[in-house]
Amino acid sequence: MVTNSFISAIRQEKEKNCGSVEFQVFSFTDKIRRITLHLELHKRDFLSQRGLRKILGKRQRLLDYLSKKNRVRYKKLISQLGIRESKTR
């Protein structure tokens, strides 16, 4: 799970750099967790399922970009967010 210190650090950076890859991945991860909780209650909400798949794809593309550009930042980010490393194609 995401640590509170990491969340506060990201939110403080939001004022300075809300376009950074780390912040975007964090916000997508937050949206994914909220939609997943919603879908546990509403299993037949197909529009939310579609939105979840779109957000997952966006986050995956950002993580692929970050892993190609800076592997150290990528490893640090996925460990702080508690998400799995992507499979290589």
Foldseek 3Di string as FASTA:
>chain_A
DADPVVVVVLVVCCVVPCPDLLNLLVVLLVVLVVLVVVCVVVVPPVVSVVVNVVSVVVSVVSLVVCCVVPVVVSVVSCVNSVHDDDDDD
